[in-house]
């Protein structure tokens, strides 16, 4: 069958790489894609939110499956648009707009977790109408203080602040438009001390299959210092996620979440990303994402031995009963190469050189473009390098070595992925 993949980042390159391996995939189209995805299919210059053009493309190219990579079109209702389009037999991998509020609205997600008894931090939602109530909540908490913009803020809507007066000032600024409409409502959370990790499932809205777990590294600086980024690397599997913790995650979080999705009658065929924190052996949900993560996808898909297209097709057809994902018993480590200055200002158009033509390592494109005959940088996160080995330290060493070999002016990458494990 013909498949359309929506998105243009490192996650989409990894998905294109995996999807193209399936015998079920006749032709793969990527909208808009990047130079990396073009290695595995046909890039089409259509924006991720141009639903009319995407539907027209599916009609023209006889596309049977649409895989939605990023969160924005899901929250905007791309699945709903396809449902209403009248196109017969198009399987959309991604929840509808109502279900996508699990990612698109922090307060929606918190209310859902509270309703179904899913462990998460204590919280309050604040608008200008109950600002004083929010300030009083801050006064009852111990630092650090966690402020989250309710809506999507391109990964920048979470502030963790040590000083209570500063937290109050930032709360006022957020409600005043710091993150636009995304912070017209703010969720203040109790801070949880622990170590974070991510778990992924593919669901049909009532059943699910487990995918490999991962741990990502968001800080720009080594030893987790400096500002947050979209992600500087990831490892999979996660060494501290033992059988006991897995059991708690599955019984207390995954099963209850999927049961809640079913009880709410959500139209949900696709991936659920559980952003978790391990607090003394007890898992808590920090956030939900309604799609795969980046750069976690670049670490987990190389470990997935199963045919991803067959699994997604089974989810769309409600045939997940009895299925499980086969996982490669090796470790993966992803190192992200970024433009100098990121996550602040950076220069685009730097020529990228010395990517090996053939290698058993994977180089996923995140922010690249072709100008003339040259591959150049076009974003903050440029490349994601993934290596496999018997353990994550060896895998990380291999990815670091290749990152040292690849060159572009101002390149930067962390050399300590997995340092805390």
Protein backbone atom coordinates (compact mmCIF):
# COMPACT_ATOMS: atom_id res chain seq x y z
CA UNK A 1 0.00 0.00 0.00
CA UNK A 2 1.02 3.65 -0.45
CA UNK A 3 1.79 5.51 2.79
CA UNK A 4 1.98 9.22 3.64
CA UNK A 5 4.23 10.29 6.52
CA UNK A 6 3.71 13.82 7.83
CA UNK A 7 6.61 15.82 9.29
CA UNK A 8 10.16 16.95 8.59
CA UNK A 9 12.42 16.21 11.56
CA UNK A 10 14.69 13.50 12.88
CA UNK A 11 11.70 11.53 14.16
CA UNK A 12 10.24 11.49 10.65
CA UNK A 13 13.55 10.40 9.09
CA UNK A 14 13.66 7.49 11.54
CA UNK A 15 10.03 6.63 10.77
CA UNK A 16 10.67 6.84 7.01
CA UNK A 17 13.70 4.57 7.40
CA UNK A 18 11.65 2.00 9.31
CA UNK A 19 8.46 2.22 7.23
CA UNK A 20 10.36 1.84 3.95
CA UNK A 21 11.73 -1.52 5.12
CA UNK A 22 8.25 -3.06 5.22
CA UNK A 23 7.09 -5.30 2.36
CA UNK A 24 3.64 -3.78 3.00
CA UNK A 25 4.91 -0.36 1.85
CA UNK A 26 4.66 0.06 -1.93
CA UNK A 27 5.42 3.78 -2.09
CA UNK A 28 6.23 6.22 0.70
CA UNK A 29 5.49 9.94 0.51
CA UNK A 30 6.73 12.41 3.13
CA UNK A 31 5.20 15.87 3.58
CA UNK A 32 7.26 17.97 3.62
CA UNK A 33 10.19 15.72 4.62
CA UNK A 34 13.90 16.58 4.58
CA UNK A 35 17.01 15.41 2.68
CA UNK A 36 17.20 12.37 4.93
CA UNK A 37 13.62 11.21 4.35
CA UNK A 38 14.22 11.61 0.60
CA UNK A 39 16.56 8.61 0.86
CA UNK A 40 13.56 6.40 1.67
CA UNK A 41 10.63 7.92 -0.24
CA UNK A 42 9.30 10.91 -2.15
CA UNK A 43 9.23 14.28 -0.42
CA UNK A 44 6.18 16.41 -1.23
CA UNK A 45 6.16 20.16 -0.60
CA UNK A 46 2.98 20.31 1.47
CA UNK A 47 2.82 21.78 4.98
CA UNK A 48 1.91 19.67 7.99
CA UNK A 49 -1.22 21.76 8.67
CA UNK A 50 -2.44 22.10 5.07
CA UNK A 51 -5.15 19.50 5.52
CA UNK A 52 -6.90 20.16 2.20
CA UNK A 53 -3.70 19.62 0.22
CA UNK A 54 -2.77 16.55 2.25
CA UNK A 55 -6.19 15.02 1.60
CA UNK A 56 -5.88 15.88 -2.11
CA UNK A 57 -2.44 14.21 -2.16
CA UNK A 58 -3.91 11.04 -0.63
CA UNK A 59 -6.65 11.03 -3.24
CA UNK A 60 -4.22 11.59 -6.11
CA UNK A 61 -1.63 9.00 -5.01
CA UNK A 62 -4.09 6.36 -3.78
CA UNK A 63 -2.67 6.49 -0.25
CA UNK A 64 -4.03 3.98 2.24
CA UNK A 65 -2.24 4.98 5.47
CA UNK A 66 -1.33 8.37 6.94
CA UNK A 67 1.24 8.44 9.76
CA UNK A 68 1.31 11.74 11.65
CA UNK A 69 4.73 12.53 13.13
CA UNK A 70 4.43 15.88 14.99
CA UNK A 71 1.90 17.02 17.57
CA UNK A 72 0.66 20.27 15.97
CA UNK A 73 -1.50 18.76 13.20
CA UNK A 74 -2.94 16.25 15.67
CA UNK A 75 -4.03 18.98 18.06
CA UNK A 76 -5.35 20.98 15.10
CA UNK A 77 -7.55 18.05 14.05
CA UNK A 78 -5.90 16.34 11.09
CA UNK A 79 -7.49 13.00 11.99
CA UNK A 80 -10.92 14.64 12.15
CA UNK A 81 -10.31 16.24 8.74
CA UNK A 82 -9.53 12.86 7.19
CA UNK A 83 -12.56 11.27 8.86
CA UNK A 84 -14.77 13.96 7.27
CA UNK A 85 -13.06 13.90 3.88
CA UNK A 86 -14.95 10.94 2.54
CA UNK A 87 -11.78 9.24 1.33
CA UNK A 88 -12.46 5.50 1.60
CA UNK A 89 -10.11 3.22 3.48
CA UNK A 90 -7.48 5.73 4.66
CA UNK A 91 -6.02 4.55 7.97
CA UNK A 92 -4.81 7.53 10.05
CA UNK A 93 -2.20 6.78 12.72
CA UNK A 94 -2.86 9.52 15.24
CA UNK A 95 -5.70 10.47 17.63
CA UNK A 96 -8.46 12.93 16.85
CA UNK A 97 -8.36 16.49 18.20
CA UNK A 98 -10.32 15.66 21.35
CA UNK A 99 -7.97 12.83 22.35
CA UNK A 100 -4.92 14.89 21.33
CA UNK A 101 -5.75 17.26 24.19
CA UNK A 102 -3.86 14.74 26.34
CA UNK A 103 -0.81 16.49 24.88
CA UNK A 104 -2.33 19.78 23.75
CA UNK A 105 -3.70 20.79 27.15
CA UNK A 106 -1.85 20.19 30.42
CA UNK A 107 -5.02 20.81 32.43
CA UNK A 108 -7.01 18.33 30.30
CA UNK A 109 -4.31 15.70 30.87
CA UNK A 110 -4.19 16.39 34.60
CA UNK A 111 -7.97 16.09 34.95
CA UNK A 112 -7.86 12.82 33.00
CA UNK A 113 -5.13 11.42 35.27
CA UNK A 114 -6.98 12.54 38.37
CA UNK A 115 -10.23 10.96 37.17
CA UNK A 116 -8.64 7.58 36.48
CA UNK A 117 -6.29 7.46 39.46
CA UNK A 118 -3.09 7.69 37.43
CA UNK A 119 -0.12 8.74 39.63
CA UNK A 120 1.02 12.30 38.90
CA UNK A 121 2.16 15.39 40.80
CA UNK A 122 -0.30 17.52 42.77
CA UNK A 123 -1.33 20.59 40.75
CA UNK A 124 -3.57 23.59 40.26
CA UNK A 125 -4.64 25.28 37.03
CA UNK A 126 -4.45 29.05 37.05
CA UNK A 127 -5.86 31.83 34.88
CA UNK A 128 -6.10 35.57 35.53
CA UNK A 129 -9.44 34.83 37.20
CA UNK A 130 -7.89 32.77 40.03
CA UNK A 131 -4.38 34.22 40.11
CA UNK A 132 -4.42 34.70 43.89
CA UNK A 133 -5.36 31.06 44.38
CA UNK A 134 -2.37 30.11 42.25
CA UNK A 135 -0.06 32.35 44.29
CA UNK A 136 -1.32 30.77 47.50
CA UNK A 137 -0.61 27.33 46.01
CA UNK A 138 2.98 28.46 45.36
CA UNK A 139 3.28 29.59 48.98
CA UNK A 140 2.34 26.09 50.17
CA UNK A 141 4.96 24.40 47.97
CA UNK A 142 8.66 23.93 48.57
CA UNK A 143 11.09 24.95 45.82
CA UNK A 144 11.73 24.31 43.04
CA UNK A 145 8.46 25.50 41.52
CA UNK A 146 7.13 24.04 38.27
CA UNK A 147 5.08 26.24 35.92
CA UNK A 148 3.68 24.76 32.69
CA UNK A 149 1.91 26.58 29.87
CA UNK A 150 -1.35 24.73 29.32
CA UNK A 151 -1.08 24.63 25.52
CA UNK A 152 1.61 23.72 23.01
CA UNK A 153 4.66 25.97 23.27
CA UNK A 154 7.19 24.19 21.04
CA UNK A 155 8.79 22.46 24.03
CA UNK A 156 9.55 25.78 25.73
CA UNK A 157 6.51 26.17 27.96
CA UNK A 158 7.87 24.63 31.18
CA UNK A 159 9.70 26.72 33.79
CA UNK A 160 11.41 25.25 36.86
CA UNK A 161 12.25 28.03 39.30
CA UNK A 162 14.05 27.99 42.65
CA UNK A 163 12.88 31.33 44.07
CA UNK A 164 9.24 31.79 45.13
CA UNK A 165 9.11 35.51 44.28
CA UNK A 166 10.56 34.79 40.85
CA UNK A 167 8.01 32.02 40.36
CA UNK A 168 5.19 34.45 41.15
CA UNK A 169 6.62 37.00 38.72
CA UNK A 170 7.01 34.39 35.96
CA UNK A 171 3.46 33.15 36.58
CA UNK A 172 2.15 36.67 35.97
CA UNK A 173 4.32 36.96 32.84
CA UNK A 174 3.06 33.63 31.47
CA UNK A 175 -0.57 34.63 32.00
CA UNK A 176 0.28 37.96 30.37
CA UNK A 177 1.30 36.28 27.13
CA UNK A 178 4.89 35.02 27.55
CA UNK A 179 3.99 32.00 25.43
CA UNK A 180 1.07 33.56 23.59
CA UNK A 181 -2.28 31.80 23.90
CA UNK A 182 -0.50 28.65 25.12
CA UNK A 183 0.00 30.25 28.55
CA UNK A 184 -3.39 31.93 28.96
CA UNK A 185 -3.84 29.08 31.41
CA UNK A 186 -0.93 27.78 33.52
CA UNK A 187 -0.60 24.52 35.43
CA UNK A 188 1.45 24.80 38.63
CA UNK A 189 2.78 21.43 39.73
CA UNK A 190 4.36 19.98 42.81
CA UNK A 191 8.02 19.28 42.01
CA UNK A 192 8.92 15.58 41.93
CA UNK A 193 12.54 14.58 42.58
CA UNK A 194 13.67 11.54 40.64
CA UNK A 195 15.03 10.36 37.30
CA UNK A 196 13.00 10.67 34.11
CA UNK A 197 12.40 8.13 31.37
CA UNK A 198 9.96 7.59 28.52
CA UNK A 199 7.68 4.69 27.66
CA UNK A 200 5.87 4.21 24.35
CA UNK A 201 2.90 2.14 23.25
CA UNK A 202 0.90 1.70 20.07
CA UNK A 203 -2.83 1.55 20.77
CA UNK A 204 -6.13 1.08 18.98
CA UNK A 205 -7.97 2.86 21.77
CA UNK A 206 -8.65 -0.24 23.84
CA UNK A 207 -5.58 -2.50 23.49
CA UNK A 208 -1.90 -1.72 23.20
CA UNK A 209 1.52 -3.14 22.46
CA UNK A 210 4.68 -2.05 24.23
CA UNK A 211 7.55 -0.48 22.29
CA UNK A 212 11.12 -0.05 23.61
CA UNK A 213 11.57 2.51 26.40
CA UNK A 214 14.14 5.32 26.30
CA UNK A 215 15.75 8.11 28.29
CA UNK A 216 16.47 11.43 26.64
CA UNK A 217 18.75 14.32 27.57
CA UNK A 218 17.26 17.79 27.20
CA UNK A 219 19.88 20.13 28.65
CA UNK A 220 22.32 21.71 26.21
CA UNK A 221 25.35 21.30 28.46
CA UNK A 222 27.15 18.21 29.68
CA UNK A 223 26.19 16.89 33.13
CA UNK A 224 22.71 18.27 32.37
CA UNK A 225 23.57 21.96 32.62
CA UNK A 226 22.26 25.01 30.79
CA UNK A 227 18.88 25.60 29.14
CA UNK A 228 16.53 22.95 27.83
CA UNK A 229 16.54 21.94 24.18
CA UNK A 230 14.36 19.72 22.02
CA UNK A 231 16.69 16.87 23.00
CA UNK A 232 20.44 16.31 22.79
CA UNK A 233 20.43 12.52 22.77
CA UNK A 234 18.81 9.35 24.05
CA UNK A 235 19.55 5.79 25.10
CA UNK A 236 17.47 2.61 24.97
CA UNK A 237 16.88 0.41 26.95
CA UNK A 238 17.02 2.22 30.29
CA UNK A 239 19.16 0.30 32.81
CA UNK A 240 17.20 1.24 35.95
CA UNK A 241 13.85 0.15 34.48
CA UNK A 242 13.85 -3.33 35.99
CA UNK A 243 11.03 -5.89 36.12
CA UNK A 244 9.55 -4.42 39.31
CA UNK A 245 9.41 -0.86 37.93
CA UNK A 246 8.07 -2.12 34.59
CA UNK A 247 5.28 -3.92 36.41
CA UNK A 248 4.29 -0.72 38.24
CA UNK A 249 4.44 1.31 35.02
CA UNK A 250 2.25 -1.14 33.15
CA UNK A 251 -0.30 -1.77 35.90
CA UNK A 252 -0.58 1.70 37.42
CA UNK A 253 -0.07 3.88 34.35
CA UNK A 254 -0.31 2.23 30.94
CA UNK A 255 -3.33 0.00 31.56
CA UNK A 256 -5.24 2.68 33.44
CA UNK A 257 -4.49 5.25 30.73
CA UNK A 258 -5.69 2.99 27.92
CA UNK A 259 -8.73 2.03 29.99
CA UNK A 260 -9.45 5.74 30.46
CA UNK A 261 -9.11 6.39 26.73
CA UNK A 262 -11.59 3.57 26.09
CA UNK A 263 -13.99 4.76 28.80
CA UNK A 264 -13.94 8.30 27.38
CA UNK A 265 -14.71 6.83 23.91
CA UNK A 266 -11.72 8.66 22.44
CA UNK A 267 -10.95 8.13 18.75
CA UNK A 268 -7.38 7.06 19.38
CA UNK A 269 -5.37 4.95 16.96
CA UNK A 270 -1.68 5.70 17.31
CA UNK A 271 1.18 6.16 19.70
CA UNK A 272 1.10 7.20 23.35
CA UNK A 273 4.32 8.64 24.78
CA UNK A 274 4.41 8.49 28.58
CA UNK A 275 6.88 10.99 30.03
CA UNK A 276 7.59 9.41 33.43
CA UNK A 277 9.69 10.02 36.52
CA UNK A 278 10.96 7.33 38.87
CA UNK A 279 10.58 8.56 42.45
CA UNK A 280 12.12 5.97 44.76
CA UNK A 281 10.84 3.08 42.67
CA UNK A 282 7.38 4.59 42.12
CA UNK A 283 6.55 5.88 38.61
CA UNK A 284 4.63 9.13 38.09
CA UNK A 285 3.38 10.70 34.86
CA UNK A 286 4.96 14.05 34.01
CA UNK A 287 3.23 14.38 30.66
CA UNK A 288 1.56 12.59 27.80
CA UNK A 289 2.50 13.01 24.16
CA UNK A 290 0.19 11.73 21.45
CA UNK A 291 3.00 10.75 19.08
CA UNK A 292 6.55 9.43 19.23
CA UNK A 293 9.28 11.62 20.73
CA UNK A 294 12.36 13.19 19.18
CA UNK A 295 15.17 12.10 19.67
CA UNK A 296 13.76 9.01 21.40
CA UNK A 297 12.35 7.67 18.12
CA UNK A 298 15.85 7.62 16.65
CA UNK A 299 16.91 5.35 19.54
CA UNK A 300 13.90 3.02 19.83
CA UNK A 301 13.08 2.24 16.18
CA UNK A 302 16.51 0.72 15.44
CA UNK A 303 15.77 -1.76 18.25
CA UNK A 304 12.34 -2.68 16.85
CA UNK A 305 12.60 -5.92 14.89
CA UNK A 306 8.88 -6.15 14.10
CA UNK A 307 7.42 -4.70 10.90
CA UNK A 308 6.16 -1.28 12.05
CA UNK A 309 3.70 -0.97 9.16
CA UNK A 310 2.10 -4.30 10.05
CA UNK A 311 1.76 -3.21 13.68
CA UNK A 312 0.19 0.14 12.71
CA UNK A 313 -2.16 -1.62 10.28
CA UNK A 314 -3.22 -4.01 13.05
CA UNK A 315 -3.93 -1.06 15.35
CA UNK A 316 -6.03 0.68 12.70
CA UNK A 317 -7.98 -2.55 12.11
CA UNK A 318 -8.36 -3.32 15.85
CA UNK A 319 -6.30 -6.50 15.56
CA UNK A 320 -3.77 -5.88 18.36
CA UNK A 321 -5.06 -8.72 20.51
CA UNK A 322 -2.22 -11.20 21.07
CA UNK A 323 0.39 -9.16 19.19
CA UNK A 324 3.68 -8.00 20.69
CA UNK A 325 6.69 -6.14 19.38
CA UNK A 326 9.92 -8.06 18.88
CA UNK A 327 12.84 -6.07 20.32
CA UNK A 328 16.48 -6.41 19.35
CA UNK A 329 18.51 -7.36 22.47
CA UNK A 330 21.06 -4.60 21.88
CA UNK A 331 21.43 -1.10 23.28
CA UNK A 332 21.00 2.03 21.17
CA UNK A 333 22.49 5.45 21.83
CA UNK A 334 21.62 8.60 19.91
CA UNK A 335 23.84 11.71 19.91
CA UNK A 336 22.34 14.90 18.47
CA UNK A 337 24.58 17.35 16.59
CA UNK A 338 23.36 20.95 16.83
CA UNK A 339 24.20 24.34 15.40
CA UNK A 340 26.45 26.58 17.50
CA UNK A 341 24.32 28.92 19.63
CA UNK A 342 21.34 26.57 19.86
CA UNK A 343 18.89 26.71 21.66
CA UNK A 344 19.43 30.45 21.24
CA UNK A 345 20.32 32.19 17.99
CA UNK A 346 22.28 30.21 15.43
CA UNK A 347 23.39 30.50 11.81
CA UNK A 348 21.88 28.38 9.05
CA UNK A 349 23.47 27.32 5.78
CA UNK A 350 26.66 25.74 7.13
CA UNK A 351 27.99 23.06 4.77
CA UNK A 352 27.85 19.53 6.26
CA UNK A 353 30.73 17.23 5.34
CA UNK A 354 32.14 13.77 6.05
CA UNK A 355 28.93 11.79 6.55
CA UNK A 356 30.04 8.25 5.67
CA UNK A 357 28.47 6.86 2.51
CA UNK A 358 28.16 3.40 4.03
CA UNK A 359 28.07 2.48 7.70
CA UNK A 360 26.24 0.25 10.15
CA UNK A 361 25.55 3.43 12.12
CA UNK A 362 22.50 5.55 11.38
CA UNK A 363 22.60 9.28 10.62
CA UNK A 364 19.11 10.77 10.84
CA UNK A 365 18.52 14.27 9.46
CA UNK A 366 16.75 16.76 11.72
CA UNK A 367 17.55 20.23 10.39
CA UNK A 368 19.21 19.94 6.98
CA UNK A 369 18.59 21.23 3.47
CA UNK A 370 20.14 20.86 0.04
CA UNK A 371 21.37 24.08 -1.57
CA UNK A 372 22.75 23.49 -5.03
CA UNK A 373 24.64 20.25 -4.63
CA UNK A 374 25.57 20.79 -1.00
CA UNK A 375 23.96 19.51 2.19
CA UNK A 376 23.69 22.38 4.67
CA UNK A 377 22.32 23.09 8.13
CA UNK A 378 18.80 24.52 8.31
CA UNK A 379 17.86 24.15 11.97
CA UNK A 380 19.07 24.09 15.55
CA UNK A 381 19.16 20.32 15.79
CA UNK A 382 20.93 19.15 12.63
CA UNK A 383 21.69 15.42 12.77
CA UNK A 384 20.92 12.54 15.13
CA UNK A 385 23.48 9.73 15.12
CA UNK A 386 22.40 6.32 16.40
CA UNK A 387 24.63 3.33 17.08
CA UNK A 388 23.90 -0.16 18.39
CA UNK A 389 26.12 -2.17 20.71
CA UNK A 390 25.95 -4.71 23.54
CA UNK A 391 25.56 -1.94 26.13
CA UNK A 392 24.63 1.73 26.01
CA UNK A 393 28.13 2.97 26.91
CA UNK A 394 29.68 1.26 23.90
CA UNK A 395 26.83 2.47 21.72
CA UNK A 396 27.27 6.04 22.98
CA UNK A 397 31.02 5.88 22.36
CA UNK A 398 30.39 4.81 18.76
CA UNK A 399 27.88 7.62 18.16
CA UNK A 400 30.23 10.17 19.75
CA UNK A 401 33.10 9.03 17.52
CA UNK A 402 30.99 9.50 14.38
CA UNK A 403 29.81 12.92 15.60
CA UNK A 404 33.46 13.90 15.90
CA UNK A 405 34.05 12.78 12.31
CA UNK A 406 31.12 14.66 10.72
CA UNK A 407 31.83 18.37 10.24
CA UNK A 408 30.06 21.66 9.85
CA UNK A 409 31.07 25.08 11.13
CA UNK A 410 29.98 25.66 14.72
CA UNK A 411 28.93 22.05 15.34
CA UNK A 412 28.25 21.05 18.93
CA UNK A 413 27.18 17.82 20.62
CA UNK A 414 27.19 16.36 24.10
CA UNK A 415 29.85 13.75 24.74
CA UNK A 416 28.22 12.42 27.91
CA UNK A 417 24.94 10.83 26.79
CA UNK A 418 24.13 8.23 29.46
CA UNK A 419 26.47 9.91 31.97
CA UNK A 420 24.05 9.52 34.87
CA UNK A 421 23.27 5.82 34.42
